[in-house]
Amino acid sequence: MADPQAPLPSSISGLEAHPLSGRQLALYTELAREDKRLADIYRGSIVVLGDETNPDRLALSAHGLRELMEKIARYRDVEVKSREGGSLTDQANRLEDQWKGATNSGNFSNGEWKGDIDSPLRTFLGHVAIFFQWKRTNRPRRREAAAEVLRRMEKSGTSLPPRLREMNAKTWLEMRDYFENISHHNDRSHPDEFGEWMGALENFILERLQPRTFEDDDAIDRLLREAGGRR
């Protein structure tokens, strides 16, 4: 893990061509402390997204952000694999196709099943069993790995209750799946929506790499008191 007191790499300069917002610069700085390659992946995503002449900018930026999340996991010696066999939606779509085949059964009529289990229905029930086995095996494994990534990213040393760890892991995976789907052109996204997801990811990572200190809280309290005094 990078030393938070270590000097920044000299290569952090030279951002004039594509200025970063305050939040982006803070995250870029923390990523550069970890490894310049992480910072470059993040900055590349920002540069691509800002090029409005590029019709595929959302997918390309999403690819970079997904790579950033994956590489951060590897830096913490944890790998969060993509779902084997695709997402839950992919699996459900396959099961729906099998269901359509099962309805060709002679025992299915007017939305009702009657008679014995024949070959089409038996085949479908087999696919249902496979689907639930995939769900039991794949989803918990990914969430456990994501929770471990987030635990190792925390610089505050705070130990969260299991319920909060699970909620954070779920959020991390939802963000990862969003960027993965956009990068693969599986989903469409509006630039405003994409920006909201990107901002959420930036805040999520920054909160762990650069936890707020008591000094931050004191400064916020002071500003609130000053604002209250001006009313």
C-alpha atoms as a PDB file:
ATOM      1  CA  MET A   1       0.000   0.000   0.000  1.00  0.00           C
ATOM      2  CA  ALA A   2       1.267   3.469  -0.859  1.00  0.00           C
ATOM      3  CA  ASP A   3       2.650   5.702   1.873  1.00  0.00           C
ATOM      4  CA  PRO A   4       0.196   8.609   2.291  1.00  0.00           C
ATOM      5  CA  GLN A   5       3.093  10.865   3.319  1.00  0.00           C
ATOM      6  CA  ALA A   6       5.172  10.028   0.256  1.00  0.00           C
ATOM      7  CA  PRO A   7       5.827  12.878  -2.179  1.00  0.00           C
ATOM      8  CA  LEU A   8       3.703  12.958  -5.287  1.00  0.00           C
ATOM      9  CA  PRO A   9       5.234  11.681  -8.507  1.00  0.00           C
ATOM     10  CA  SER A  10       6.679  14.467 -10.644  1.00  0.00           C
ATOM     11  CA  SER A  11       4.476  13.212 -13.502  1.00  0.00           C
ATOM     12  CA  ILE A  12       1.393  14.518 -11.709  1.00  0.00           C
ATOM     13  CA  SER A  13       2.091  17.866 -13.336  1.00  0.00           C
ATOM     14  CA  GLY A  14       1.116  18.646 -16.912  1.00  0.00           C
ATOM     15  CA  LEU A  15      -2.658  18.568 -16.455  1.00  0.00           C
ATOM     16  CA  GLU A  16      -3.181  21.934 -18.129  1.00  0.00           C
ATOM     17  CA  ALA A  17      -4.448  20.483 -21.407  1.00  0.00           C
ATOM     18  CA  HIS A  18      -7.349  18.727 -19.664  1.00  0.00           C
ATOM     19  CA  PRO A  19      -8.019  20.481 -16.323  1.00  0.00           C
ATOM     20  CA  LEU A  20      -9.602  18.423 -13.555  1.00  0.00           C
ATOM     21  CA  SER A  21     -12.283  19.470 -11.119  1.00  0.00           C
ATOM     22  CA  GLY A  22     -11.455  19.610  -7.419  1.00  0.00           C
ATOM     23  CA  ARG A  23     -12.822  16.146  -6.765  1.00  0.00           C
ATOM     24  CA  GLN A  24     -11.127  14.716  -9.840  1.00  0.00           C
ATOM     25  CA  LEU A  25      -7.778  16.233  -8.913  1.00  0.00           C
ATOM     26  CA  ALA A  26      -8.067  14.868  -5.378  1.00  0.00           C
ATOM     27  CA  LEU A  27      -8.775  11.367  -6.676  1.00  0.00           C
ATOM     28  CA  TYR A  28      -6.100  11.612  -9.361  1.00  0.00           C
ATOM     29  CA  THR A  29      -3.606  12.625  -6.675  1.00  0.00           C
ATOM     30  CA  GLU A  30      -4.486   9.677  -4.439  1.00  0.00           C
ATOM     31  CA  LEU A  31      -4.312   7.239  -7.343  1.00  0.00           C
ATOM     32  CA  ALA A  32      -0.917   8.643  -8.332  1.00  0.00           C
ATOM     33  CA  ARG A  33       0.292   7.957  -4.781  1.00  0.00           C
ATOM     34  CA  GLU A  34      -0.758   4.339  -5.253  1.00  0.00           C
ATOM     35  CA  ASP A  35       0.614   3.906  -8.772  1.00  0.00           C
ATOM     36  CA  LYS A  36       0.928   6.251 -11.741  1.00  0.00           C
ATOM     37  CA  ARG A  37      -0.762   3.662 -13.951  1.00  0.00           C
ATOM     38  CA  LEU A  38      -3.960   3.871 -11.923  1.00  0.00           C
ATOM     39  CA  ALA A  39      -3.949   7.652 -12.234  1.00  0.00           C
ATOM     40  CA  ASP A  40      -3.362   7.399 -15.997  1.00  0.00           C
ATOM     41  CA  ILE A  41      -6.303   5.020 -16.456  1.00  0.00           C
ATOM     42  CA  TYR A  42      -8.557   7.404 -14.549  1.00  0.00           C
ATOM     43  CA  ARG A  43      -7.348  10.502 -16.354  1.00  0.00           C
ATOM     44  CA  GLY A  44      -7.698   8.731 -19.712  1.00  0.00           C
ATOM     45  CA  SER A  45     -11.354   8.050 -18.936  1.00  0.00           C
ATOM     46  CA  ILE A  46     -11.901  11.745 -18.212  1.00  0.00           C
ATOM     47  CA  VAL A  47     -10.148  12.868 -21.398  1.00  0.00           C
ATOM     48  CA  VAL A  48     -12.129  10.465 -23.575  1.00  0.00           C
ATOM     49  CA  LEU A  49     -15.408  11.467 -21.956  1.00  0.00           C
ATOM     50  CA  GLY A  50     -14.678  15.140 -22.606  1.00  0.00           C
ATOM     51  CA  ASP A  51     -14.229  14.603 -26.343  1.00  0.00           C
ATOM     52  CA  GLU A  52     -17.761  15.283 -27.578  1.00  0.00           C
ATOM     53  CA  THR A  53     -16.675  14.657 -31.182  1.00  0.00           C
ATOM     54  CA  ASN A  54     -16.184  10.982 -30.336  1.00  0.00           C
ATOM     55  CA  PRO A  55     -19.504   9.130 -30.823  1.00  0.00           C
ATOM     56  CA  ASP A  56     -18.291   6.211 -28.697  1.00  0.00           C
ATOM     57  CA  ARG A  57     -16.929   8.283 -25.826  1.00  0.00           C
ATOM     58  CA  LEU A  58     -19.234   6.843 -23.158  1.00  0.00           C
ATOM     59  CA  ALA A  59     -18.288   3.245 -23.916  1.00  0.00           C
ATOM     60  CA  LEU A  60     -14.578   4.060 -24.059  1.00  0.00           C
ATOM     61  CA  SER A  61     -14.699   6.053 -20.826  1.00  0.00           C
ATOM     62  CA  ALA A  62     -16.685   3.267 -19.162  1.00  0.00           C
ATOM     63  CA  HIS A  63     -14.039   0.761 -20.226  1.00  0.00           C
ATOM     64  CA  GLY A  64     -11.386   2.826 -18.475  1.00  0.00           C
ATOM     65  CA  LEU A  65     -13.415   3.161 -15.283  1.00  0.00           C
ATOM     66  CA  ARG A  66     -14.118  -0.564 -15.217  1.00  0.00           C
ATOM     67  CA  GLU A  67     -10.384  -1.179 -15.676  1.00  0.00           C
ATOM     68  CA  LEU A  68      -9.652   1.216 -12.825  1.00  0.00           C
ATOM     69  CA  MET A  69     -11.928  -0.730 -10.491  1.00  0.00           C
ATOM     70  CA  GLU A  70     -10.396  -4.019 -11.571  1.00  0.00           C
ATOM     71  CA  LYS A  71      -6.812  -2.818 -11.175  1.00  0.00           C
ATOM     72  CA  ILE A  72      -7.507  -1.352  -7.727  1.00  0.00           C
ATOM     73  CA  ALA A  73      -8.804  -4.772  -6.708  1.00  0.00           C
ATOM     74  CA  ARG A  74      -5.620  -6.420  -7.951  1.00  0.00           C
ATOM     75  CA  TYR A  75      -3.487  -3.908  -6.076  1.00  0.00           C
ATOM     76  CA  ARG A  76      -5.227  -5.161  -2.951  1.00  0.00           C
ATOM     77  CA  ASP A  77      -4.511  -8.766  -3.972  1.00  0.00           C
ATOM     78  CA  VAL A  78      -8.194  -9.459  -4.532  1.00  0.00           C
ATOM     79  CA  GLU A  79      -9.764 -10.210  -7.885  1.00  0.00           C
ATOM     80  CA  VAL A  80     -13.464  -9.559  -8.463  1.00  0.00           C
ATOM     81  CA  LYS A  81     -14.264 -11.569 -11.550  1.00  0.00           C
ATOM     82  CA  SER A  82     -17.060 -10.807 -13.922  1.00  0.00           C
ATOM     83  CA  ARG A  83     -19.992 -13.096 -13.465  1.00  0.00           C
ATOM     84  CA  GLU A  84     -19.247 -16.419 -15.101  1.00  0.00           C
ATOM     85  CA  GLY A  85     -21.885 -16.917 -17.752  1.00  0.00           C
ATOM     86  CA  GLY A  86     -22.850 -13.237 -17.768  1.00  0.00           C
ATOM     87  CA  SER A  87     -25.060 -11.123 -15.551  1.00  0.00           C
ATOM     88  CA  LEU A  88     -28.262 -12.113 -13.818  1.00  0.00           C
ATOM     89  CA  THR A  89     -30.151 -10.527 -16.712  1.00  0.00           C
ATOM     90  CA  ASP A  90     -28.217 -12.675 -19.196  1.00  0.00           C
ATOM     91  CA  GLN A  91     -29.030 -15.801 -17.244  1.00  0.00           C
ATOM     92  CA  ALA A  92     -32.715 -14.832 -16.919  1.00  0.00           C
ATOM     93  CA  ASN A  93     -32.936 -14.211 -20.671  1.00  0.00           C
ATOM     94  CA  ARG A  94     -31.534 -17.673 -21.368  1.00  0.00           C
ATOM     95  CA  LEU A  95     -34.006 -19.196 -18.942  1.00  0.00           C
ATOM     96  CA  GLU A  96     -36.837 -17.318 -20.655  1.00  0.00           C
ATOM     97  CA  ASP A  97     -35.805 -18.873 -23.977  1.00  0.00           C
ATOM     98  CA  GLN A  98     -35.926 -22.310 -22.356  1.00  0.00           C
ATOM     99  CA  TRP A  99     -39.357 -21.478 -20.946  1.00  0.00           C
ATOM    100  CA  LYS A 100     -40.652 -20.686 -24.434  1.00  0.00           C
ATOM    101  CA  GLY A 101     -39.481 -24.094 -25.539  1.00  0.00           C
ATOM    102  CA  ALA A 102     -41.189 -25.769 -22.595  1.00  0.00           C
ATOM    103  CA  THR A 103     -44.546 -24.210 -23.483  1.00  0.00           C
ATOM    104  CA  ASN A 104     -44.536 -26.348 -26.638  1.00  0.00           C
ATOM    105  CA  SER A 105     -45.386 -29.227 -24.356  1.00  0.00           C
ATOM    106  CA  GLY A 106     -48.672 -30.946 -25.040  1.00  0.00           C
ATOM    107  CA  ASN A 107     -49.437 -30.604 -21.324  1.00  0.00           C
ATOM    108  CA  PHE A 108     -49.460 -26.800 -21.465  1.00  0.00           C
ATOM    109  CA  SER A 109     -52.609 -25.092 -22.669  1.00  0.00           C
ATOM    110  CA  ASN A 110     -54.214 -21.717 -21.966  1.00  0.00           C
ATOM    111  CA  GLY A 111     -51.559 -20.870 -19.425  1.00  0.00           C
ATOM    112  CA  GLU A 112     -52.070 -24.052 -17.385  1.00  0.00           C
ATOM    113  CA  TRP A 113     -50.126 -27.280 -16.955  1.00  0.00           C
ATOM    114  CA  LYS A 114     -51.974 -30.592 -16.926  1.00  0.00           C
ATOM    115  CA  GLY A 115     -50.868 -34.200 -17.039  1.00  0.00           C
ATOM    116  CA  ASP A 116     -47.451 -35.766 -16.482  1.00  0.00           C
ATOM    117  CA  ILE A 117     -44.015 -34.193 -16.763  1.00  0.00           C
ATOM    118  CA  ASP A 118     -43.059 -34.727 -20.398  1.00  0.00           C
ATOM    119  CA  SER A 119     -39.752 -34.143 -22.184  1.00  0.00           C
ATOM    120  CA  PRO A 120     -40.053 -30.339 -22.832  1.00  0.00           C
ATOM    121  CA  LEU A 121     -41.049 -29.637 -19.227  1.00  0.00           C
ATOM    122  CA  ARG A 122     -38.369 -31.980 -17.848  1.00  0.00           C
ATOM    123  CA  THR A 123     -35.719 -30.174 -19.894  1.00  0.00           C
ATOM    124  CA  PHE A 124     -36.908 -26.793 -18.643  1.00  0.00           C
ATOM    125  CA  LEU A 125     -36.866 -27.912 -15.004  1.00  0.00           C
ATOM    126  CA  GLY A 126     -33.279 -29.012 -15.504  1.00  0.00           C
ATOM    127  CA  HIS A 127     -32.376 -25.525 -16.731  1.00  0.00           C
ATOM    128  CA  VAL A 128     -34.131 -23.999 -13.705  1.00  0.00           C
ATOM    129  CA  ALA A 129     -31.935 -26.089 -11.415  1.00  0.00           C
ATOM    130  CA  ILE A 130     -28.821 -24.918 -13.296  1.00  0.00           C
ATOM    131  CA  PHE A 131     -29.947 -21.287 -13.005  1.00  0.00           C
ATOM    132  CA  PHE A 132     -30.379 -21.435  -9.231  1.00  0.00           C
ATOM    133  CA  GLN A 133     -27.062 -23.252  -8.817  1.00  0.00           C
ATOM    134  CA  TRP A 134     -25.355 -20.461 -10.799  1.00  0.00           C
ATOM    135  CA  LYS A 135     -27.026 -17.862  -8.590  1.00  0.00           C
ATOM    136  CA  ARG A 136     -25.958 -19.575  -5.352  1.00  0.00           C
ATOM    137  CA  THR A 137     -22.359 -19.999  -6.529  1.00  0.00           C
ATOM    138  CA  ASN A 138     -21.654 -16.819  -8.450  1.00  0.00           C
ATOM    139  CA  ARG A 139     -23.310 -13.906  -6.728  1.00  0.00           C
ATOM    140  CA  PRO A 140     -22.140 -14.464  -3.115  1.00  0.00           C
ATOM    141  CA  ARG A 141     -18.580 -15.085  -4.303  1.00  0.00           C
ATOM    142  CA  ARG A 142     -18.413 -11.771  -6.142  1.00  0.00           C
ATOM    143  CA  ARG A 143     -19.899  -9.859  -3.216  1.00  0.00           C
ATOM    144  CA  GLU A 144     -17.480 -11.406  -0.738  1.00  0.00           C
ATOM    145  CA  ALA A 145     -14.539 -10.511  -2.976  1.00  0.00           C
ATOM    146  CA  ALA A 146     -15.842  -6.956  -3.401  1.00  0.00           C
ATOM    147  CA  ALA A 147     -16.216  -6.561   0.361  1.00  0.00           C
ATOM    148  CA  GLU A 148     -12.594  -7.652   0.804  1.00  0.00           C
ATOM    149  CA  VAL A 149     -11.422  -5.123  -1.815  1.00  0.00           C
ATOM    150  CA  LEU A 150     -13.197  -2.318   0.027  1.00  0.00           C
ATOM    151  CA  ARG A 151     -11.843  -3.477   3.392  1.00  0.00           C
ATOM    152  CA  ARG A 152      -8.283  -3.315   2.076  1.00  0.00           C
ATOM    153  CA  MET A 153      -8.882   0.074   0.462  1.00  0.00           C
ATOM    154  CA  GLU A 154      -9.946   1.672   3.745  1.00  0.00           C
ATOM    155  CA  LYS A 155      -7.201   3.913   5.096  1.00  0.00           C
ATOM    156  CA  SER A 156      -9.243   5.096   8.051  1.00  0.00           C
ATOM    157  CA  GLY A 157      -8.822   1.787   9.856  1.00  0.00           C
ATOM    158  CA  THR A 158     -12.550   1.807  10.634  1.00  0.00           C
ATOM    159  CA  SER A 159     -14.181  -1.599  10.991  1.00  0.00           C
ATOM    160  CA  LEU A 160     -17.705  -1.516   9.609  1.00  0.00           C
ATOM    161  CA  PRO A 161     -20.584  -3.713  10.789  1.00  0.00           C
ATOM    162  CA  PRO A 162     -21.268  -6.692   8.491  1.00  0.00           C
ATOM    163  CA  ARG A 163     -24.516  -5.168   7.197  1.00  0.00           C
ATOM    164  CA  LEU A 164     -22.749  -1.976   6.075  1.00  0.00           C
ATOM    165  CA  ARG A 165     -19.898  -3.957   4.499  1.00  0.00           C
ATOM    166  CA  GLU A 166     -22.459  -5.917   2.503  1.00  0.00           C
ATOM    167  CA  MET A 167     -24.254  -2.740   1.399  1.00  0.00           C
ATOM    168  CA  ASN A 168     -20.973  -1.164   0.267  1.00  0.00           C
ATOM    169  CA  ALA A 169     -19.994  -4.307  -1.625  1.00  0.00           C
ATOM    170  CA  LYS A 170     -23.379  -4.319  -3.356  1.00  0.00           C
ATOM    171  CA  THR A 171     -22.906  -0.683  -4.370  1.00  0.00           C
ATOM    172  CA  TRP A 172     -19.388  -1.395  -5.679  1.00  0.00           C
ATOM    173  CA  LEU A 173     -20.635  -4.292  -7.815  1.00  0.00           C
ATOM    174  CA  GLU A 174     -23.574  -2.300  -9.167  1.00  0.00           C
ATOM    175  CA  MET A 175     -21.215   0.461 -10.286  1.00  0.00           C
ATOM    176  CA  ARG A 176     -18.841  -2.065 -11.820  1.00  0.00           C
ATOM    177  CA  ASP A 177     -21.655  -3.809 -13.688  1.00  0.00           C
ATOM    178  CA  TYR A 178     -22.986  -0.467 -14.945  1.00  0.00           C
ATOM    179  CA  PHE A 179     -19.650   0.528 -16.490  1.00  0.00           C
ATOM    180  CA  GLU A 180     -19.099  -2.980 -17.809  1.00  0.00           C
ATOM    181  CA  ASN A 181     -22.466  -2.977 -19.590  1.00  0.00           C
ATOM    182  CA  ILE A 182     -21.837   0.459 -21.091  1.00  0.00           C
ATOM    183  CA  SER A 183     -18.328  -0.523 -22.212  1.00  0.00           C
ATOM    184  CA  HIS A 184     -19.715  -3.610 -23.960  1.00  0.00           C
ATOM    185  CA  HIS A 185     -22.509  -1.595 -25.580  1.00  0.00           C
ATOM    186  CA  ASN A 186     -25.081  -3.739 -23.797  1.00  0.00           C
ATOM    187  CA  ASP A 187     -26.903  -0.705 -22.382  1.00  0.00           C
ATOM    188  CA  ARG A 188     -27.458   2.837 -23.559  1.00  0.00           C
ATOM    189  CA  SER A 189     -26.716   5.782 -21.308  1.00  0.00           C
ATOM    190  CA  HIS A 190     -27.204   9.542 -21.507  1.00  0.00           C
ATOM    191  CA  PRO A 191     -24.111  11.681 -20.791  1.00  0.00           C
ATOM    192  CA  ASP A 192     -25.841  13.214 -17.751  1.00  0.00           C
ATOM    193  CA  GLU A 193     -26.652   9.794 -16.313  1.00  0.00           C
ATOM    194  CA  PHE A 194     -23.130   8.590 -17.055  1.00  0.00           C
ATOM    195  CA  GLY A 195     -21.746  11.620 -15.259  1.00  0.00           C
ATOM    196  CA  GLU A 196     -23.806  10.804 -12.180  1.00  0.00           C
ATOM    197  CA  TRP A 197     -22.481   7.235 -12.073  1.00  0.00           C
ATOM    198  CA  MET A 198     -18.942   8.456 -12.625  1.00  0.00           C
ATOM    199  CA  GLY A 199     -19.282  11.027  -9.843  1.00  0.00           C
ATOM    200  CA  ALA A 200     -20.628   8.350  -7.510  1.00  0.00           C
ATOM    201  CA  LEU A 201     -17.644   6.112  -8.272  1.00  0.00           C
ATOM    202  CA  GLU A 202     -15.186   8.977  -7.760  1.00  0.00           C
ATOM    203  CA  ASN A 203     -16.678   9.815  -4.370  1.00  0.00           C
ATOM    204  CA  PHE A 204     -16.818   6.160  -3.367  1.00  0.00           C
ATOM    205  CA  ILE A 205     -13.126   5.549  -4.083  1.00  0.00           C
ATOM    206  CA  LEU A 206     -11.983   8.901  -2.716  1.00  0.00           C
ATOM    207  CA  GLU A 207     -13.768   8.333   0.597  1.00  0.00           C
ATOM    208  CA  ARG A 208     -11.627   5.242   1.093  1.00  0.00           C
ATOM    209  CA  LEU A 209      -8.305   6.477  -0.203  1.00  0.00           C
ATOM    210  CA  GLN A 210      -8.620   9.887   1.426  1.00  0.00           C
ATOM    211  CA  PRO A 211     -10.839   9.555   4.518  1.00  0.00           C
ATOM    212  CA  ARG A 212     -12.049  12.774   6.084  1.00  0.00           C
ATOM    213  CA  THR A 213     -10.193  13.852   9.205  1.00  0.00           C
ATOM    214  CA  PHE A 214     -11.341  15.573  12.360  1.00  0.00           C
ATOM    215  CA  GLU A 215      -9.831  18.746  10.908  1.00  0.00           C
ATOM    216  CA  ASP A 216     -12.204  18.420   7.959  1.00  0.00           C
ATOM    217  CA  ASP A 217     -15.161  18.097  10.333  1.00  0.00           C
ATOM    218  CA  ASP A 218     -14.001  21.130  12.327  1.00  0.00           C
ATOM    219  CA  ALA A 219     -13.737  23.177   9.147  1.00  0.00           C
ATOM    220  CA  ILE A 220     -17.244  22.177   8.083  1.00  0.00           C
ATOM    221  CA  ASP A 221     -18.629  23.017  11.536  1.00  0.00           C
ATOM    222  CA  ARG A 222     -16.909  26.416  11.405  1.00  0.00           C
ATOM    223  CA  LEU A 223     -18.399  27.198   8.002  1.00  0.00           C
ATOM    224  CA  LEU A 224     -21.861  26.206   9.205  1.00  0.00           C
ATOM    225  CA  ARG A 225     -21.529  28.435  12.277  1.00  0.00           C
ATOM    226  CA  GLU A 226     -20.381  31.330  10.120  1.00  0.00           C
ATOM    227  CA  ALA A 227     -23.251  30.799   7.698  1.00  0.00           C
ATOM    228  CA  GLY A 228     -25.684  30.715  10.621  1.00  0.00           C
ATOM    229  CA  GLY A 229     -24.313  33.977  11.981  1.00  0.00           C
ATOM    230  CA  ARG A 230     -24.954  35.753   8.695  1.00  0.00           C
ATOM    231  CA  ARG A 231     -28.657  34.983   8.686  1.00  0.00           C
END
